[in-house]
C-alpha atoms as a PDB file:
ATOM      1  CA  MET A   1      92.329  84.860 102.598  1.00  0.00           C
ATOM      2  CA  MET A   2      95.574  86.171 104.028  1.00  0.00           C
ATOM      3  CA  ARG A   3      98.138  83.532 104.895  1.00  0.00           C
ATOM      4  CA  THR A   4      98.641  83.228 108.654  1.00  0.00           C
ATOM      5  CA  LEU A   5     102.070  84.377 109.818  1.00  0.00           C
ATOM      6  CA  LYS A   6     103.936  82.440 112.478  1.00  0.00           C
ATOM      7  CA  GLY A   7     107.218  82.544 114.307  1.00  0.00           C
ATOM      8  CA  GLU A   8     109.947  84.818 112.974  1.00  0.00           C
ATOM      9  CA  ARG A   9     107.851  86.081 110.079  1.00  0.00           C
ATOM     10  CA  LEU A  10     105.068  87.173 112.423  1.00  0.00           C
ATOM     11  CA  GLU A  11     107.581  88.805 114.758  1.00  0.00           C
ATOM     12  CA  LYS A  12     109.171  90.663 111.852  1.00  0.00           C
ATOM     13  CA  GLU A  13     105.789  91.901 110.605  1.00  0.00           C
ATOM     14  CA  LEU A  14     104.762  93.072 114.080  1.00  0.00           C
ATOM     15  CA  LEU A  15     108.050  94.975 114.424  1.00  0.00           C
ATOM     16  CA  ARG A  16     107.434  96.644 111.042  1.00  0.00           C
ATOM     17  CA  LEU A  17     103.955  97.714 112.109  1.00  0.00           C
ATOM     18  CA  GLU A  18     105.283  98.964 115.437  1.00  0.00           C
ATOM     19  CA  ALA A  19     107.717 101.203 113.556  1.00  0.00           C
ATOM     20  CA  MET A  20     104.753 102.542 111.559  1.00  0.00           C
ATOM     21  CA  ARG A  21     103.116 103.667 114.821  1.00  0.00           C
ATOM     22  CA  GLU A  22     105.817 106.239 115.547  1.00  0.00           C
ATOM     23  CA  PHE A  23     103.595 109.217 114.768  1.00  0.00           C
ATOM     24  CA  GLU A  24     100.550 107.672 116.429  1.00  0.00           C
ATOM     25  CA  ARG A  25     102.593 107.259 119.620  1.00  0.00           C
ATOM     26  CA  ARG A  26     103.939 110.792 119.328  1.00  0.00           C
ATOM     27  CA  TYR A  27     100.456 112.327 119.181  1.00  0.00           C
ATOM     28  CA  GLU A  28      98.430 109.817 121.213  1.00  0.00           C
ATOM     29  CA  ASP A  29      97.811 112.344 123.993  1.00  0.00           C
ATOM     30  CA  CYS A  30      96.030 114.638 121.512  1.00  0.00           C
ATOM     31  CA  GLY A  31      92.960 112.390 121.282  1.00  0.00           C
ATOM     32  CA  LEU A  32      91.509 110.748 118.187  1.00  0.00           C
ATOM     33  CA  ILE A  33      94.092 110.479 115.402  1.00  0.00           C
ATOM     34  CA  CYS A  34      92.880 110.418 111.797  1.00  0.00           C
ATOM     35  CA  GLY A  35      95.040 109.455 108.837  1.00  0.00           C
ATOM     36  CA  VAL A  36      94.302 111.164 105.511  1.00  0.00           C
ATOM     37  CA  ASP A  37      95.552 110.266 102.034  1.00  0.00           C
ATOM     38  CA  GLU A  38      94.469 110.475  98.410  1.00  0.00           C
ATOM     39  CA  ALA A  39      94.424 108.273  95.330  1.00  0.00           C
ATOM     40  CA  GLY A  40      94.157 109.395  91.733  1.00  0.00           C
ATOM     41  CA  ARG A  41      95.881 112.748  91.416  1.00  0.00           C
ATOM     42  CA  GLY A  42      97.788 111.715  88.301  1.00  0.00           C
ATOM     43  CA  PRO A  43      95.353 109.840  86.007  1.00  0.00           C
ATOM     44  CA  LEU A  44      93.922 111.274  82.796  1.00  0.00           C
ATOM     45  CA  ALA A  45      90.420 110.046  83.658  1.00  0.00           C
ATOM     46  CA  GLY A  46      88.151 109.431  86.613  1.00  0.00           C
ATOM     47  CA  PRO A  47      87.817 111.065  90.016  1.00  0.00           C
ATOM     48  CA  VAL A  48      90.310 111.813  92.737  1.00  0.00           C
ATOM     49  CA  ALA A  49      89.498 110.022  95.998  1.00  0.00           C
ATOM     50  CA  ALA A  50      90.595 110.741  99.549  1.00  0.00           C
ATOM     51  CA  GLY A  51      90.440 108.381 102.505  1.00  0.00           C
ATOM     52  CA  ALA A  52      90.169 109.235 106.188  1.00  0.00           C
ATOM     53  CA  ALA A  53      90.693 106.565 108.844  1.00  0.00           C
ATOM     54  CA  ILE A  54      90.630 106.612 112.651  1.00  0.00           C
ATOM     55  CA  LEU A  55      92.064 103.347 113.979  1.00  0.00           C
ATOM     56  CA  PRO A  56      91.786 102.159 117.586  1.00  0.00           C
ATOM     57  CA  LYS A  57      94.920 102.601 119.672  1.00  0.00           C
ATOM     58  CA  ASP A  58      97.290  99.629 119.219  1.00  0.00           C
ATOM     59  CA  CYS A  59      95.083  98.226 116.447  1.00  0.00           C
ATOM     60  CA  VAL A  60      96.927  95.408 114.655  1.00  0.00           C
ATOM     61  CA  ILE A  61      96.223  94.944 110.947  1.00  0.00           C
ATOM     62  CA  LEU A  62      98.874  92.683 109.436  1.00  0.00           C
ATOM     63  CA  TYR A  63     100.389  93.779 106.094  1.00  0.00           C
ATOM     64  CA  LEU A  64      99.084  97.349 106.470  1.00  0.00           C
ATOM     65  CA  ASN A  65     101.274  99.518 104.254  1.00  0.00           C
ATOM     66  CA  ASP A  66     101.346 102.155 101.534  1.00  0.00           C
ATOM     67  CA  SER A  67      98.645 101.007  99.088  1.00  0.00           C
ATOM     68  CA  LYS A  68     101.088 101.292  96.158  1.00  0.00           C
ATOM     69  CA  LYS A  69     103.266  98.592  97.720  1.00  0.00           C
ATOM     70  CA  LEU A  70     100.437  96.058  97.931  1.00  0.00           C
ATOM     71  CA  SER A  71      98.838  93.733  95.401  1.00  0.00           C
ATOM     72  CA  GLU A  72      95.232  94.349  94.386  1.00  0.00           C
ATOM     73  CA  LYS A  73      94.152  91.203  96.233  1.00  0.00           C
ATOM     74  CA  ARG A  74      95.941  92.279  99.423  1.00  0.00           C
ATOM     75  CA  ARG A  75      94.460  95.785  99.194  1.00  0.00           C
ATOM     76  CA  ASP A  76      90.953  94.354  98.856  1.00  0.00           C
ATOM     77  CA  GLU A  77      91.436  92.178 101.938  1.00  0.00           C
ATOM     78  CA  LEU A  78      92.870  95.056 103.958  1.00  0.00           C
ATOM     79  CA  TYR A  79      90.047  97.355 102.808  1.00  0.00           C
ATOM     80  CA  ASP A  80      87.513  95.043 104.455  1.00  0.00           C
ATOM     81  CA  GLU A  81      89.582  94.666 107.630  1.00  0.00           C
ATOM     82  CA  ILE A  82      90.143  98.411 107.974  1.00  0.00           C
ATOM     83  CA  ARG A  83      86.428  99.133 107.634  1.00  0.00           C
ATOM     84  CA  GLU A  84      85.663  96.432 110.210  1.00  0.00           C
ATOM     85  CA  LYS A  85      88.219  97.575 112.804  1.00  0.00           C
ATOM     86  CA  ALA A  86      88.257 101.368 112.365  1.00  0.00           C
ATOM     87  CA  VAL A  87      86.666 103.655 114.926  1.00  0.00           C
ATOM     88  CA  ALA A  88      85.517 105.692 111.926  1.00  0.00           C
ATOM     89  CA  TRP A  89      86.343 105.819 108.227  1.00  0.00           C
ATOM     90  CA  ASN A  90      85.159 107.641 105.117  1.00  0.00           C
ATOM     91  CA  VAL A  91      86.104 108.312 101.496  1.00  0.00           C
ATOM     92  CA  GLY A  92      85.557 111.615  99.682  1.00  0.00           C
ATOM     93  CA  ILE A  93      85.312 111.707  95.890  1.00  0.00           C
ATOM     94  CA  VAL A  94      85.631 114.635  93.479  1.00  0.00           C
ATOM     95  CA  GLY A  95      84.873 114.035  89.806  1.00  0.00           C
ATOM     96  CA  PRO A  96      86.643 115.061  86.592  1.00  0.00           C
ATOM     97  CA  GLU A  97      84.438 118.091  85.852  1.00  0.00           C
ATOM     98  CA  ARG A  98      85.290 119.590  89.230  1.00  0.00           C
ATOM     99  CA  ILE A  99      88.970 118.740  88.737  1.00  0.00           C
ATOM    100  CA  ASP A 100      88.914 120.672  85.452  1.00  0.00           C
ATOM    101  CA  GLU A 101      87.109 123.545  87.138  1.00  0.00           C
ATOM    102  CA  ILE A 102      89.344 124.110  90.173  1.00  0.00           C
ATOM    103  CA  ASN A 103      92.531 122.110  89.325  1.00  0.00           C
ATOM    104  CA  ILE A 104      93.686 118.781  90.725  1.00  0.00           C
ATOM    105  CA  LEU A 105      95.336 120.132  93.878  1.00  0.00           C
ATOM    106  CA  GLN A 106      92.229 122.024  94.989  1.00  0.00           C
ATOM    107  CA  ALA A 107      90.053 119.045  94.025  1.00  0.00           C
ATOM    108  CA  THR A 108      92.253 116.798  96.172  1.00  0.00           C
ATOM    109  CA  TYR A 109      91.839 119.150  99.124  1.00  0.00           C
ATOM    110  CA  GLU A 110      88.080 119.156  98.524  1.00  0.00           C
ATOM    111  CA  ALA A 111      87.982 115.344  98.537  1.00  0.00           C
ATOM    112  CA  MET A 112      89.990 115.315 101.769  1.00  0.00           C
ATOM    113  CA  ARG A 113      87.634 117.798 103.451  1.00  0.00           C
ATOM    114  CA  GLU A 114      84.685 115.661 102.317  1.00  0.00           C
ATOM    115  CA  ALA A 115      86.306 112.520 103.734  1.00  0.00           C
ATOM    116  CA  ILE A 116      87.036 114.174 107.099  1.00  0.00           C
ATOM    117  CA  GLY A 117      83.653 115.899 107.287  1.00  0.00           C
ATOM    118  CA  GLY A 118      81.791 112.634 106.741  1.00  0.00           C
ATOM    119  CA  LEU A 119      83.445 110.721 109.582  1.00  0.00           C
ATOM    120  CA  SER A 120      81.146 109.368 112.294  1.00  0.00           C
ATOM    121  CA  ALA A 121      83.630 110.596 114.931  1.00  0.00           C
ATOM    122  CA  VAL A 122      85.365 113.977 115.020  1.00  0.00           C
ATOM    123  CA  PRO A 123      89.165 113.620 115.039  1.00  0.00           C
ATOM    124  CA  ASP A 124      91.403 115.733 117.261  1.00  0.00           C
ATOM    125  CA  ILE A 125      94.436 115.617 114.994  1.00  0.00           C
ATOM    126  CA  LEU A 126      95.067 114.743 111.347  1.00  0.00           C
ATOM    127  CA  LEU A 127      98.113 112.906 110.057  1.00  0.00           C
ATOM    128  CA  ASN A 128      98.267 113.782 106.347  1.00  0.00           C
ATOM    129  CA  ASP A 129     100.378 112.355 103.577  1.00  0.00           C
ATOM    130  CA  ALA A 130     102.637 115.357 102.803  1.00  0.00           C
ATOM    131  CA  VAL A 131      99.972 118.093 102.634  1.00  0.00           C
ATOM    132  CA  THR A 132      98.289 120.684 104.848  1.00  0.00           C
ATOM    133  CA  ILE A 133      94.618 120.897 103.925  1.00  0.00           C
ATOM    134  CA  PRO A 134      93.172 124.421 103.669  1.00  0.00           C
ATOM    135  CA  GLN A 135      89.918 125.364 105.432  1.00  0.00           C
ATOM    136  CA  ILE A 136      90.335 122.741 108.151  1.00  0.00           C
ATOM    137  CA  GLU A 137      90.397 123.838 111.776  1.00  0.00           C
ATOM    138  CA  ILE A 138      91.619 120.505 113.171  1.00  0.00           C
ATOM    139  CA  ARG A 139      95.340 120.360 113.958  1.00  0.00           C
ATOM    140  CA  GLN A 140      97.287 118.825 111.063  1.00  0.00           C
ATOM    141  CA  VAL A 141     100.656 117.100 110.785  1.00  0.00           C
ATOM    142  CA  PRO A 142     101.935 116.673 107.208  1.00  0.00           C
ATOM    143  CA  ILE A 143     104.265 113.668 106.881  1.00  0.00           C
ATOM    144  CA  ILE A 144     106.391 113.136 103.769  1.00  0.00           C
ATOM    145  CA  LYS A 145     105.755 109.605 102.440  1.00  0.00           C
ATOM    146  CA  GLY A 146     103.359 109.236 105.339  1.00  0.00           C
ATOM    147  CA  ASP A 147     101.540 106.287 103.774  1.00  0.00           C
ATOM    148  CA  ALA A 148     104.669 104.198 104.446  1.00  0.00           C
ATOM    149  CA  LYS A 149     105.374 105.713 107.891  1.00  0.00           C
ATOM    150  CA  SER A 150     101.988 105.828 109.633  1.00  0.00           C
ATOM    151  CA  VAL A 151      99.417 103.065 110.070  1.00  0.00           C
ATOM    152  CA  SER A 152      96.609 105.656 110.022  1.00  0.00           C
ATOM    153  CA  ILE A 153      97.736 107.190 106.720  1.00  0.00           C
ATOM    154  CA  ALA A 154      98.364 103.729 105.236  1.00  0.00           C
ATOM    155  CA  ALA A 155      94.797 102.743 106.119  1.00  0.00           C
ATOM    156  CA  ALA A 156      93.479 105.936 104.511  1.00  0.00           C
ATOM    157  CA  SER A 157      95.527 105.291 101.376  1.00  0.00           C
ATOM    158  CA  ILE A 158      94.048 101.799 101.011  1.00  0.00           C
ATOM    159  CA  LEU A 159      90.485 103.055 101.504  1.00  0.00           C
ATOM    160  CA  ALA A 160      91.009 105.715  98.826  1.00  0.00           C
ATOM    161  CA  LYS A 161      92.812 103.440  96.362  1.00  0.00           C
ATOM    162  CA  VAL A 162      90.356 100.535  96.546  1.00  0.00           C
ATOM    163  CA  THR A 163      87.310 102.823  96.319  1.00  0.00           C
ATOM    164  CA  ARG A 164      88.719 104.597  93.270  1.00  0.00           C
ATOM    165  CA  ASP A 165      89.873 101.400  91.550  1.00  0.00           C
ATOM    166  CA  ARG A 166      86.420  99.875  91.927  1.00  0.00           C
ATOM    167  CA  LEU A 167      84.852 102.970  90.398  1.00  0.00           C
ATOM    168  CA  MET A 168      87.218 102.709  87.419  1.00  0.00           C
ATOM    169  CA  ILE A 169      86.229  99.053  86.950  1.00  0.00           C
ATOM    170  CA  GLU A 170      82.608 100.201  86.786  1.00  0.00           C
ATOM    171  CA  TYR A 171      83.562 102.840  84.194  1.00  0.00           C
ATOM    172  CA  ASP A 172      85.279 100.107  82.194  1.00  0.00           C
ATOM    173  CA  ARG A 173      81.885  98.485  81.708  1.00  0.00           C
ATOM    174  CA  LEU A 174      80.537 101.754  80.283  1.00  0.00           C
ATOM    175  CA  TYR A 175      83.573 102.475  78.093  1.00  0.00           C
ATOM    176  CA  PRO A 176      85.202  99.081  77.404  1.00  0.00           C
ATOM    177  CA  GLN A 177      87.426 100.295  74.557  1.00  0.00           C
ATOM    178  CA  TYR A 178      89.563 102.415  76.905  1.00  0.00           C
ATOM    179  CA  GLY A 179      90.820  99.696  79.253  1.00  0.00           C
ATOM    180  CA  PHE A 180      89.964 101.518  82.491  1.00  0.00           C
ATOM    181  CA  ALA A 181      89.834  98.247  84.483  1.00  0.00           C
ATOM    182  CA  LYS A 182      93.473  97.633  83.670  1.00  0.00           C
ATOM    183  CA  HIS A 183      95.147 101.047  83.945  1.00  0.00           C
ATOM    184  CA  LYS A 184      92.571 102.817  86.174  1.00  0.00           C
ATOM    185  CA  GLY A 185      92.738 105.961  84.042  1.00  0.00           C
ATOM    186  CA  TYR A 186      96.496 106.483  84.167  1.00  0.00           C
ATOM    187  CA  GLY A 187      98.302 107.637  81.045  1.00  0.00           C
ATOM    188  CA  THR A 188      99.525 104.339  79.644  1.00  0.00           C
ATOM    189  CA  ALA A 189     100.412 104.052  75.959  1.00  0.00           C
ATOM    190  CA  ALA A 190      97.266 101.968  75.361  1.00  0.00           C
ATOM    191  CA  HIS A 191      95.078 104.544  77.099  1.00  0.00           C
ATOM    192  CA  ILE A 192      96.537 107.458  75.135  1.00  0.00           C
ATOM    193  CA  ALA A 193      96.106 105.502  71.893  1.00  0.00           C
ATOM    194  CA  ALA A 194      92.434 104.899  72.779  1.00  0.00           C
ATOM    195  CA  ILE A 195      91.874 108.604  73.444  1.00  0.00           C
ATOM    196  CA  ARG A 196      93.365 109.442  70.046  1.00  0.00           C
ATOM    197  CA  GLU A 197      91.287 106.782  68.291  1.00  0.00           C
ATOM    198  CA  PHE A 198      87.924 107.166  70.045  1.00  0.00           C
ATOM    199  CA  GLY A 199      88.121 110.670  71.553  1.00  0.00           C
ATOM    200  CA  PRO A 200      87.536 111.561  75.211  1.00  0.00           C
ATOM    201  CA  THR A 201      84.747 110.187  77.384  1.00  0.00           C
ATOM    202  CA  PRO A 202      82.745 112.213  79.925  1.00  0.00           C
ATOM    203  CA  ILE A 203      85.053 110.916  82.678  1.00  0.00           C
ATOM    204  CA  HIS A 204      88.259 112.225  81.067  1.00  0.00           C
ATOM    205  CA  ARG A 205      89.878 115.267  82.647  1.00  0.00           C
ATOM    206  CA  LYS A 206      89.901 117.771  79.790  1.00  0.00           C
ATOM    207  CA  THR A 207      92.753 119.756  81.320  1.00  0.00           C
ATOM    208  CA  PHE A 208      94.875 116.588  81.462  1.00  0.00           C
ATOM    209  CA  ILE A 209      94.392 115.350  77.878  1.00  0.00           C
ATOM    210  CA  ARG A 210      94.846 118.487  75.786  1.00  0.00           C
ATOM    211  CA  ASN A 211      98.023 117.149  74.205  1.00  0.00           C
ATOM    212  CA  PHE A 212      96.189 114.040  73.004  1.00  0.00           C
ATOM    213  CA  THR A 213      93.043 115.661  71.562  1.00  0.00           C
ATOM    214  CA  ASP A 214      94.399 118.596  69.513  1.00  0.00           C
END
């Protein structure tokens, strides 16, 4: 469980979160605000995932931040709290075959559209981490490093990251020699060595591993 914050530490954390509501405050008159972010653009294996999260106005979730800045344990705890408190949330997933077919950028957009399209509430505006998603009619605001600047995008980043990491842990059980539970499909030295020794699995992105399979 998360340690309870008190006194100055609680005040400091609440001030940090308040600063992360800058964009939510700026667009609050637009209606429902949805944060959108992805996880898994860079790995050599596994899917790309995209999270979409609509948080209630003035929702307080302590420690909410860019998923990359959080420990696995903290992400798991926040994942449960986000799902519990969100007005609506969803995660879209696009697999390695599709990534190879249409490229990782287009696959990321596809995962984002899936995440948004599967929400139980229709957002009025999207706050995206650095991208403008094609084929979306909802107003969009791309924010550079948005997962560290917006509570909505941070929540989406955690949903995407935790969902994808748990999938890679499941793949580790199918292909234990590759170490997916540890590196989550990223191109570590151990992962590349395993590809060279054992060859690619069905979850490897063929377009990403050409240099290691020739």
